[in-house]
Structure formats: structure tokens, C-alpha cells
Amino acid sequence: MSPYDVAISGLNGGPVTFGEKATLIVNVASRCGLTPQYAALEQLHEQFKSQGFSVIGVPCNQFAGQEPGSAEEISTFCSTTYGVTFPLTEKVDVNGPDRHPLFDVLTATPDSEGEAGDVKWNFEKFLVGADGRVAARFRPMVTPDSPEVVSAIESVLGESTS
């Protein structure tokens, strides 16, 4: 099953559509030490969107209660603090018995160390190609603008144009 086969609602209602583009799906939080990664995520979104790429943020409050806000509070924080224009989904669980089905699919993918399974913390990243295949998984401390993330995005985008 592809992550693109799983329905998820947007932060302010309505479905999030993945379409046929490469996507970096990231569980996000507004009160985390890693929250400044929003700036680099927005930069990636802007840099590659004309090539068929999008970032999608998935708010989650499972890690030390670092995303306690309502949909409106999350949306306002992201747009005013970091200028976020990429789509945000409804707030979901990424681990445990109430894990959203999207993360059932995503967490089956191993990271660069070969470890699959639960999301470790906020800002874990999953790169999905236009074909719906999970191409890479990056743990929270790997920044969105790191060479390995940018290279993986460029590689997936190159595959979709060839």
C-alpha cells in the first residue's frame, strides 16, 4: 500500500490530496526545540514545488505535549512565525494504538541505519516519490536542508522526470 492511498484531512477540514508529486511528509510540533526546522521545510517547499514537490506537515502532540494547540492556533503559528505555505493535516497520533493509518504505512520504512518502526520524535521525515513509494526516512535530527535530504529529493524528482 502507498501512503498516497491513505486518506487524511487537512488542518482546517477537507481532504489533503497528495496528487502525483514527490512529497516530504513530516510530523511537526510548535513547541519543540526542533520547531525552527519549519523554516527549512518551507524553503524546500518553495525551492522544489515547481518541479512537482510538496512538503506536508502532520501535527502531532505525542511527544512531551509539544503540539497542544487547536487547528486555528497551529495554522496561525505556522504562517505568522515561519511563513509556512505548505499543507498541514489534522493533528494525529503517529505511534501507538491510535496511530493514523498513514503512519502505519510510513513507519514500515527503515531509516539509513536500517531501523523501521515507531517515530522517535517530532520532525521525523518521510520522502515519498510521485509513484507513491517511500524513498527515504530521515530521523528528527537530520535537518530538512541537510545534503542527504536535498540529494534524496533531487533524486526522486529526477526519477519522476525520466
N, C-alpha and C. Protein backbone atom coordinates (compact mmCIF):
# COMPACT_ATOMS: atom_id res chain seq x y z
N MET A 1 0.84 -1.18 0.00
CA MET A 1 0.00 0.00 0.00
C MET A 1 0.88 1.25 0.00
N SER A 2 0.47 2.24 -0.73
CA SER A 2 1.18 3.51 -0.81
C SER A 2 0.63 4.49 0.22
N PRO A 3 1.46 5.36 0.76
CA PRO A 3 0.94 6.41 1.63
C PRO A 3 -0.13 7.25 0.93
N TYR A 4 -0.03 7.34 -0.40
CA TYR A 4 -0.98 8.15 -1.15
C TYR A 4 -2.36 7.51 -1.21
N ASP A 5 -2.46 6.24 -0.83
CA ASP A 5 -3.75 5.56 -0.80
C ASP A 5 -4.51 5.81 0.50
N VAL A 6 -3.88 6.48 1.46
CA VAL A 6 -4.47 6.71 2.78
C VAL A 6 -5.06 8.11 2.83
N ALA A 7 -6.31 8.19 3.22
CA ALA A 7 -6.98 9.49 3.35
C ALA A 7 -6.59 10.16 4.66
N ILE A 8 -6.33 11.45 4.58
CA ILE A 8 -6.08 12.25 5.78
C ILE A 8 -6.68 13.63 5.54
N SER A 9 -7.25 14.19 6.60
CA SER A 9 -7.89 15.50 6.48
C SER A 9 -6.88 16.62 6.69
N GLY A 10 -7.19 17.76 6.10
CA GLY A 10 -6.37 18.94 6.29
C GLY A 10 -6.61 19.54 7.66
N LEU A 11 -5.72 20.40 8.08
CA LEU A 11 -5.81 21.04 9.39
C LEU A 11 -7.12 21.78 9.58
N ASN A 12 -7.58 22.41 8.53
CA ASN A 12 -8.83 23.17 8.62
C ASN A 12 -9.97 22.48 7.89
N GLY A 13 -9.95 21.15 7.84
CA GLY A 13 -11.01 20.39 7.20
C GLY A 13 -10.70 20.11 5.74
N GLY A 14 -11.49 19.24 5.14
CA GLY A 14 -11.27 18.86 3.75
C GLY A 14 -10.10 17.90 3.63
N PRO A 15 -10.08 17.12 2.58
CA PRO A 15 -9.00 16.14 2.42
C PRO A 15 -7.70 16.78 1.95
N VAL A 16 -6.60 16.18 2.35
CA VAL A 16 -5.29 16.55 1.79
C VAL A 16 -5.07 15.61 0.62
N THR A 17 -4.80 16.18 -0.54
CA THR A 17 -4.55 15.34 -1.71
C THR A 17 -3.07 15.38 -2.03
N PHE A 18 -2.52 14.21 -2.21
CA PHE A 18 -1.10 14.10 -2.49
C PHE A 18 -0.82 14.31 -3.97
N GLY A 19 -1.74 13.89 -4.83
CA GLY A 19 -1.52 14.05 -6.26
C GLY A 19 -0.36 13.19 -6.72
N GLU A 20 0.14 13.50 -7.88
CA GLU A 20 1.26 12.75 -8.44
C GLU A 20 2.52 13.60 -8.37
N LYS A 21 2.98 13.80 -7.14
CA LYS A 21 4.20 14.57 -6.96
C LYS A 21 4.99 13.97 -5.80
N ALA A 22 6.24 14.30 -5.74
CA ALA A 22 7.08 13.87 -4.63
C ALA A 22 6.69 14.69 -3.40
N THR A 23 6.70 14.03 -2.25
CA THR A 23 6.24 14.68 -1.03
C THR A 23 7.16 14.33 0.13
N LEU A 24 7.47 15.33 0.94
CA LEU A 24 8.17 15.11 2.19
C LEU A 24 7.13 15.25 3.30
N ILE A 25 6.79 14.13 3.92
CA ILE A 25 5.78 14.11 4.98
C ILE A 25 6.53 14.17 6.31
N VAL A 26 6.17 15.15 7.15
CA VAL A 26 6.90 15.42 8.38
C VAL A 26 5.94 15.57 9.54
N ASN A 27 6.15 14.81 10.64
CA ASN A 27 5.35 15.08 11.83
C ASN A 27 5.94 16.31 12.51
N VAL A 28 5.09 17.28 12.80
CA VAL A 28 5.55 18.59 13.27
C VAL A 28 4.94 18.95 14.62
N ALA A 29 5.57 19.91 15.30
CA ALA A 29 5.09 20.42 16.58
C ALA A 29 5.56 21.86 16.75
N SER A 30 4.74 22.66 17.39
CA SER A 30 5.01 24.09 17.52
C SER A 30 5.87 24.48 18.72
N ARG A 31 5.98 23.59 19.70
CA ARG A 31 6.71 23.94 20.92
C ARG A 31 7.87 22.99 21.19
N CYS A 32 8.59 22.66 20.17
CA CYS A 32 9.69 21.71 20.25
C CYS A 32 11.00 22.46 19.96
N GLY A 33 12.09 21.95 20.50
CA GLY A 33 13.38 22.53 20.19
C GLY A 33 13.72 22.45 18.71
N LEU A 34 13.07 21.53 17.99
CA LEU A 34 13.30 21.36 16.55
C LEU A 34 12.33 22.19 15.69
N THR A 35 11.42 22.92 16.32
CA THR A 35 10.42 23.70 15.59
C THR A 35 11.03 24.64 14.55
N PRO A 36 12.23 25.21 14.77
CA PRO A 36 12.83 26.05 13.72
C PRO A 36 13.03 25.31 12.39
N GLN A 37 12.93 23.98 12.37
CA GLN A 37 13.01 23.26 11.10
C GLN A 37 11.88 23.68 10.15
N TYR A 38 10.82 24.27 10.68
CA TYR A 38 9.75 24.77 9.80
C TYR A 38 10.32 25.69 8.72
N ALA A 39 11.29 26.54 9.07
CA ALA A 39 11.86 27.48 8.10
C ALA A 39 12.52 26.74 6.94
N ALA A 40 13.30 25.71 7.25
CA ALA A 40 13.96 24.94 6.20
C ALA A 40 12.95 24.12 5.40
N LEU A 41 11.91 23.62 6.06
CA LEU A 41 10.86 22.89 5.32
C LEU A 41 10.17 23.81 4.32
N GLU A 42 9.87 25.03 4.75
CA GLU A 42 9.23 25.99 3.84
C GLU A 42 10.17 26.32 2.68
N GLN A 43 11.45 26.46 2.97
CA GLN A 43 12.44 26.75 1.92
C GLN A 43 12.48 25.61 0.89
N LEU A 44 12.48 24.36 1.37
CA LEU A 44 12.46 23.22 0.45
C LEU A 44 11.19 23.22 -0.39
N HIS A 45 10.06 23.48 0.26
CA HIS A 45 8.78 23.52 -0.45
C HIS A 45 8.82 24.54 -1.58
N GLU A 46 9.31 25.72 -1.28
CA GLU A 46 9.39 26.78 -2.28
C GLU A 46 10.41 26.45 -3.38
N GLN A 47 11.54 25.90 -2.99
CA GLN A 47 12.62 25.61 -3.93
C GLN A 47 12.21 24.57 -4.97
N PHE A 48 11.45 23.56 -4.56
CA PHE A 48 11.17 22.42 -5.45
C PHE A 48 9.72 22.30 -5.91
N LYS A 49 8.83 23.18 -5.47
CA LYS A 49 7.41 22.98 -5.82
C LYS A 49 7.15 23.07 -7.32
N SER A 50 7.91 23.86 -8.03
CA SER A 50 7.69 23.96 -9.48
C SER A 50 8.13 22.69 -10.21
N GLN A 51 8.86 21.82 -9.51
CA GLN A 51 9.31 20.56 -10.09
C GLN A 51 8.42 19.38 -9.68
N GLY A 52 7.28 19.68 -9.04
CA GLY A 52 6.38 18.62 -8.64
C GLY A 52 6.66 18.07 -7.26
N PHE A 53 6.97 18.95 -6.31
CA PHE A 53 7.30 18.55 -4.94
C PHE A 53 6.48 19.35 -3.95
N SER A 54 6.17 18.72 -2.82
CA SER A 54 5.48 19.42 -1.74
C SER A 54 5.95 18.87 -0.40
N VAL A 55 5.96 19.72 0.58
CA VAL A 55 6.09 19.31 1.97
C VAL A 55 4.68 19.22 2.53
N ILE A 56 4.42 18.24 3.37
CA ILE A 56 3.15 18.16 4.09
C ILE A 56 3.49 17.98 5.56
N GLY A 57 3.02 18.90 6.38
CA GLY A 57 3.24 18.83 7.82
C GLY A 57 2.08 18.13 8.50
N VAL A 58 2.41 17.23 9.42
CA VAL A 58 1.40 16.47 10.15
C VAL A 58 1.57 16.75 11.64
N PRO A 59 0.77 17.66 12.19
CA PRO A 59 0.89 17.98 13.62
C PRO A 59 0.61 16.76 14.50
N CYS A 60 1.41 16.64 15.55
CA CYS A 60 1.29 15.52 16.49
C CYS A 60 1.63 16.02 17.89
N ASN A 61 0.83 15.63 18.86
CA ASN A 61 1.03 16.06 20.25
C ASN A 61 1.53 14.92 21.13
N GLN A 62 2.10 13.88 20.55
CA GLN A 62 2.50 12.71 21.32
C GLN A 62 3.86 12.83 22.00
N PHE A 63 4.63 13.81 21.68
CA PHE A 63 5.98 13.92 22.22
C PHE A 63 6.06 15.11 23.18
N ALA A 64 5.95 14.80 24.47
CA ALA A 64 6.03 15.80 25.54
C ALA A 64 4.98 16.91 25.40
N GLY A 65 3.86 16.61 24.76
CA GLY A 65 2.77 17.59 24.64
C GLY A 65 3.20 18.86 23.93
N GLN A 66 4.06 18.73 22.90
CA GLN A 66 4.63 19.91 22.25
C GLN A 66 3.80 20.46 21.09
N GLU A 67 2.61 19.91 20.88
CA GLU A 67 1.68 20.47 19.88
C GLU A 67 0.27 20.48 20.49
N PRO A 68 0.08 21.32 21.53
CA PRO A 68 -1.20 21.31 22.24
C PRO A 68 -2.30 22.14 21.59
N GLY A 69 -1.97 22.96 20.63
CA GLY A 69 -2.91 23.94 20.09
C GLY A 69 -4.05 23.37 19.28
N SER A 70 -5.04 24.22 19.08
CA SER A 70 -6.16 23.90 18.20
C SER A 70 -5.70 24.04 16.75
N ALA A 71 -6.53 23.60 15.83
CA ALA A 71 -6.20 23.74 14.40
C ALA A 71 -5.91 25.20 14.06
N GLU A 72 -6.73 26.10 14.55
CA GLU A 72 -6.54 27.53 14.26
C GLU A 72 -5.24 28.05 14.85
N GLU A 73 -4.93 27.64 16.09
CA GLU A 73 -3.68 28.09 16.72
C GLU A 73 -2.46 27.56 15.97
N ILE A 74 -2.50 26.31 15.55
CA ILE A 74 -1.38 25.72 14.80
C ILE A 74 -1.20 26.45 13.48
N SER A 75 -2.29 26.66 12.76
CA SER A 75 -2.24 27.33 11.47
C SER A 75 -1.68 28.74 11.61
N THR A 76 -2.16 29.48 12.58
CA THR A 76 -1.71 30.86 12.80
C THR A 76 -0.23 30.88 13.17
N PHE A 77 0.18 30.01 14.09
CA PHE A 77 1.59 29.94 14.49
C PHE A 77 2.49 29.68 13.29
N CYS A 78 2.13 28.67 12.50
CA CYS A 78 2.99 28.28 11.37
C CYS A 78 3.09 29.37 10.32
N SER A 79 1.98 30.01 10.02
CA SER A 79 2.01 31.04 8.97
C SER A 79 2.66 32.33 9.44
N THR A 80 2.39 32.74 10.68
CA THR A 80 2.95 34.02 11.13
C THR A 80 4.40 33.89 11.60
N THR A 81 4.76 32.79 12.21
CA THR A 81 6.12 32.64 12.75
C THR A 81 7.11 32.18 11.68
N TYR A 82 6.69 31.26 10.81
CA TYR A 82 7.62 30.68 9.84
C TYR A 82 7.19 30.87 8.38
N GLY A 83 6.10 31.56 8.14
CA GLY A 83 5.66 31.81 6.76
C GLY A 83 5.28 30.54 6.02
N VAL A 84 4.82 29.54 6.74
CA VAL A 84 4.50 28.25 6.14
C VAL A 84 3.36 28.38 5.13
N THR A 85 3.61 27.89 3.93
CA THR A 85 2.57 27.85 2.89
C THR A 85 2.24 26.41 2.49
N PHE A 86 3.06 25.45 2.92
CA PHE A 86 2.77 24.06 2.56
C PHE A 86 1.59 23.54 3.37
N PRO A 87 0.92 22.50 2.88
CA PRO A 87 -0.27 21.98 3.57
C PRO A 87 0.06 21.36 4.93
N LEU A 88 -0.87 21.54 5.85
CA LEU A 88 -0.81 20.89 7.15
C LEU A 88 -2.05 20.02 7.29
N THR A 89 -1.88 18.86 7.88
CA THR A 89 -3.00 17.95 8.07
C THR A 89 -3.61 18.15 9.46
N GLU A 90 -4.66 17.41 9.69
CA GLU A 90 -5.23 17.34 11.03
C GLU A 90 -4.17 16.82 12.00
N LYS A 91 -4.34 17.12 13.28
CA LYS A 91 -3.43 16.60 14.29
C LYS A 91 -3.74 15.13 14.52
N VAL A 92 -2.72 14.28 14.47
CA VAL A 92 -2.90 12.83 14.59
C VAL A 92 -1.86 12.22 15.52
N ASP A 93 -2.10 10.97 15.90
CA ASP A 93 -1.10 10.17 16.58
C ASP A 93 -0.25 9.48 15.52
N VAL A 94 1.05 9.44 15.75
CA VAL A 94 1.96 8.78 14.80
C VAL A 94 2.46 7.44 15.33
N ASN A 95 2.20 7.17 16.60
CA ASN A 95 2.59 5.91 17.25
C ASN A 95 1.43 5.40 18.09
N GLY A 96 1.52 4.15 18.50
CA GLY A 96 0.56 3.59 19.45
C GLY A 96 -0.72 3.09 18.83
N PRO A 97 -1.67 2.72 19.69
CA PRO A 97 -2.90 2.08 19.22
C PRO A 97 -3.79 2.99 18.37
N ASP A 98 -3.66 4.30 18.54
CA ASP A 98 -4.46 5.24 17.75
C ASP A 98 -3.66 5.85 16.61
N ARG A 99 -2.56 5.22 16.24
CA ARG A 99 -1.72 5.73 15.14
C ARG A 99 -2.56 5.87 13.88
N HIS A 100 -2.40 7.01 13.22
CA HIS A 100 -3.11 7.23 11.95
C HIS A 100 -2.61 6.23 10.93
N PRO A 101 -3.50 5.69 10.09
CA PRO A 101 -3.09 4.70 9.07
C PRO A 101 -1.96 5.18 8.16
N LEU A 102 -1.85 6.48 7.94
CA LEU A 102 -0.74 6.99 7.13
C LEU A 102 0.59 6.58 7.75
N PHE A 103 0.69 6.65 9.07
CA PHE A 103 1.95 6.31 9.73
C PHE A 103 2.13 4.81 9.89
N ASP A 104 1.06 4.03 9.77
CA ASP A 104 1.22 2.58 9.67
C ASP A 104 2.05 2.25 8.43
N VAL A 105 1.74 2.94 7.34
CA VAL A 105 2.46 2.71 6.09
C VAL A 105 3.88 3.29 6.15
N LEU A 106 3.99 4.53 6.60
CA LEU A 106 5.29 5.22 6.60
C LEU A 106 6.31 4.55 7.52
N THR A 107 5.89 4.14 8.72
CA THR A 107 6.85 3.62 9.69
C THR A 107 7.36 2.22 9.35
N ALA A 108 6.82 1.61 8.33
CA ALA A 108 7.36 0.32 7.86
C ALA A 108 8.67 0.52 7.12
N THR A 109 8.97 1.76 6.75
CA THR A 109 10.19 2.08 6.01
C THR A 109 11.36 2.28 6.96
N PRO A 110 12.48 1.62 6.71
CA PRO A 110 13.65 1.82 7.57
C PRO A 110 14.38 3.12 7.26
N ASP A 111 15.09 3.62 8.27
CA ASP A 111 15.94 4.79 8.08
C ASP A 111 17.29 4.36 7.51
N SER A 112 18.25 5.26 7.46
CA SER A 112 19.56 4.95 6.86
C SER A 112 20.34 3.91 7.66
N GLU A 113 19.96 3.70 8.91
CA GLU A 113 20.60 2.68 9.75
C GLU A 113 19.89 1.33 9.65
N GLY A 114 18.81 1.28 8.84
CA GLY A 114 18.07 0.05 8.67
C GLY A 114 16.98 -0.18 9.71
N GLU A 115 16.67 0.85 10.52
CA GLU A 115 15.67 0.71 11.57
C GLU A 115 14.32 1.26 11.13
N ALA A 116 13.33 0.39 11.12
CA ALA A 116 11.94 0.79 10.86
C ALA A 116 11.24 0.91 12.22
N GLY A 117 9.93 1.13 12.18
CA GLY A 117 9.18 1.17 13.43
C GLY A 117 8.79 2.57 13.83
N ASP A 118 8.45 2.71 15.10
CA ASP A 118 7.87 3.95 15.61
C ASP A 118 8.68 5.20 15.28
N VAL A 119 7.94 6.29 15.14
CA VAL A 119 8.53 7.62 15.01
C VAL A 119 9.21 7.93 16.34
N LYS A 120 10.43 8.46 16.30
CA LYS A 120 11.22 8.71 17.51
C LYS A 120 10.86 10.02 18.20
N TRP A 121 10.53 11.06 17.42
CA TRP A 121 10.30 12.38 17.99
C TRP A 121 9.68 13.27 16.91
N ASN A 122 9.40 14.50 17.26
CA ASN A 122 8.89 15.48 16.30
C ASN A 122 9.89 15.69 15.16
N PHE A 123 9.37 16.00 14.00
CA PHE A 123 10.16 16.33 12.81
C PHE A 123 10.89 15.15 12.20
N GLU A 124 10.29 13.96 12.30
CA GLU A 124 10.77 12.82 11.52
C GLU A 124 10.22 13.00 10.11
N LYS A 125 11.03 12.68 9.11
CA LYS A 125 10.70 12.99 7.72
C LYS A 125 10.64 11.73 6.87
N PHE A 126 9.64 11.67 5.99
CA PHE A 126 9.46 10.54 5.07
C PHE A 126 9.34 11.11 3.67
N LEU A 127 10.23 10.73 2.78
CA LEU A 127 10.20 11.19 1.40
C LEU A 127 9.47 10.15 0.55
N VAL A 128 8.41 10.58 -0.09
CA VAL A 128 7.60 9.69 -0.92
C VAL A 128 7.69 10.19 -2.37
N GLY A 129 8.01 9.29 -3.28
CA GLY A 129 8.12 9.65 -4.69
C GLY A 129 6.75 9.84 -5.32
N ALA A 130 6.74 10.38 -6.52
CA ALA A 130 5.49 10.59 -7.25
C ALA A 130 4.75 9.27 -7.49
N ASP A 131 5.51 8.18 -7.49
CA ASP A 131 4.91 6.85 -7.70
C ASP A 131 4.28 6.29 -6.42
N GLY A 132 4.39 7.02 -5.31
CA GLY A 132 3.81 6.57 -4.05
C GLY A 132 4.71 5.67 -3.23
N ARG A 133 5.93 5.45 -3.70
CA ARG A 133 6.88 4.61 -2.97
C ARG A 133 7.64 5.47 -1.96
N VAL A 134 7.76 4.97 -0.72
CA VAL A 134 8.55 5.68 0.29
C VAL A 134 10.02 5.49 -0.06
N ALA A 135 10.67 6.58 -0.43
CA ALA A 135 12.04 6.53 -0.93
C ALA A 135 13.09 6.67 0.16
N ALA A 136 12.75 7.37 1.25
CA ALA A 136 13.74 7.61 2.31
C ALA A 136 13.04 8.03 3.59
N ARG A 137 13.72 7.77 4.68
CA ARG A 137 13.24 8.17 6.01
C ARG A 137 14.40 8.85 6.72
N PHE A 138 14.11 10.00 7.30
CA PHE A 138 15.13 10.77 7.99
C PHE A 138 14.66 11.04 9.42
N ARG A 139 15.50 10.73 10.37
CA ARG A 139 15.17 10.93 11.78
C ARG A 139 15.17 12.43 12.11
N PRO A 140 14.58 12.79 13.26
CA PRO A 140 14.37 14.20 13.59
C PRO A 140 15.60 15.10 13.55
N MET A 141 16.76 14.61 13.95
CA MET A 141 17.94 15.48 13.99
C MET A 141 18.54 15.75 12.62
N VAL A 142 18.09 15.04 11.60
CA VAL A 142 18.54 15.33 10.24
C VAL A 142 17.72 16.52 9.76
N THR A 143 18.38 17.63 9.53
CA THR A 143 17.66 18.85 9.17
C THR A 143 17.15 18.79 7.72
N PRO A 144 16.05 19.47 7.46
CA PRO A 144 15.49 19.44 6.10
C PRO A 144 16.43 19.94 5.02
N ASP A 145 17.34 20.84 5.38
CA ASP A 145 18.27 21.39 4.38
C ASP A 145 19.61 20.66 4.36
N SER A 146 19.69 19.51 5.04
CA SER A 146 20.94 18.74 5.04
C SER A 146 21.19 18.17 3.65
N PRO A 147 22.46 17.95 3.30
CA PRO A 147 22.77 17.43 1.97
C PRO A 147 22.06 16.11 1.65
N GLU A 148 21.90 15.22 2.64
CA GLU A 148 21.26 13.94 2.35
C GLU A 148 19.78 14.08 2.02
N VAL A 149 19.10 15.03 2.66
CA VAL A 149 17.68 15.24 2.35
C VAL A 149 17.54 15.89 0.97
N VAL A 150 18.30 16.95 0.74
CA VAL A 150 18.22 17.65 -0.55
C VAL A 150 18.59 16.70 -1.69
N SER A 151 19.63 15.91 -1.52
CA SER A 151 20.04 14.95 -2.55
C SER A 151 18.95 13.92 -2.81
N ALA A 152 18.31 13.43 -1.76
CA ALA A 152 17.24 12.44 -1.93
C ALA A 152 16.05 13.05 -2.67
N ILE A 153 15.71 14.29 -2.36
CA ILE A 153 14.62 14.98 -3.06
C ILE A 153 14.96 15.13 -4.54
N GLU A 154 16.17 15.60 -4.82
CA GLU A 154 16.60 15.77 -6.21
C GLU A 154 16.57 14.44 -6.95
N SER A 155 16.98 13.37 -6.29
CA SER A 155 16.98 12.05 -6.91
C SER A 155 15.55 11.60 -7.24
N VAL A 156 14.65 11.77 -6.30
CA VAL A 156 13.25 11.37 -6.53
C VAL A 156 12.63 12.23 -7.62
N LEU A 157 12.94 13.51 -7.64
CA LEU A 157 12.40 14.38 -8.69
C LEU A 157 12.98 14.00 -10.05
N GLY A 158 14.24 13.60 -10.08
CA GLY A 158 14.87 13.16 -11.32
C GLY A 158 14.22 11.91 -11.86
N GLU A 159 13.82 11.00 -10.97
CA GLU A 159 13.13 9.77 -11.38
C GLU A 159 11.78 10.07 -12.01
N SER A 160 11.10 11.10 -11.46
CA SER A 160 9.75 11.38 -11.98
C SER A 160 9.78 12.11 -13.32
N THR A 161 10.95 12.66 -13.70
CA THR A 161 11.01 13.35 -14.98
C THR A 161 11.63 12.49 -16.08
N SER A 162 12.16 11.32 -15.68
CA SER A 162 12.81 10.48 -16.71
C SER A 162 11.89 9.40 -17.21
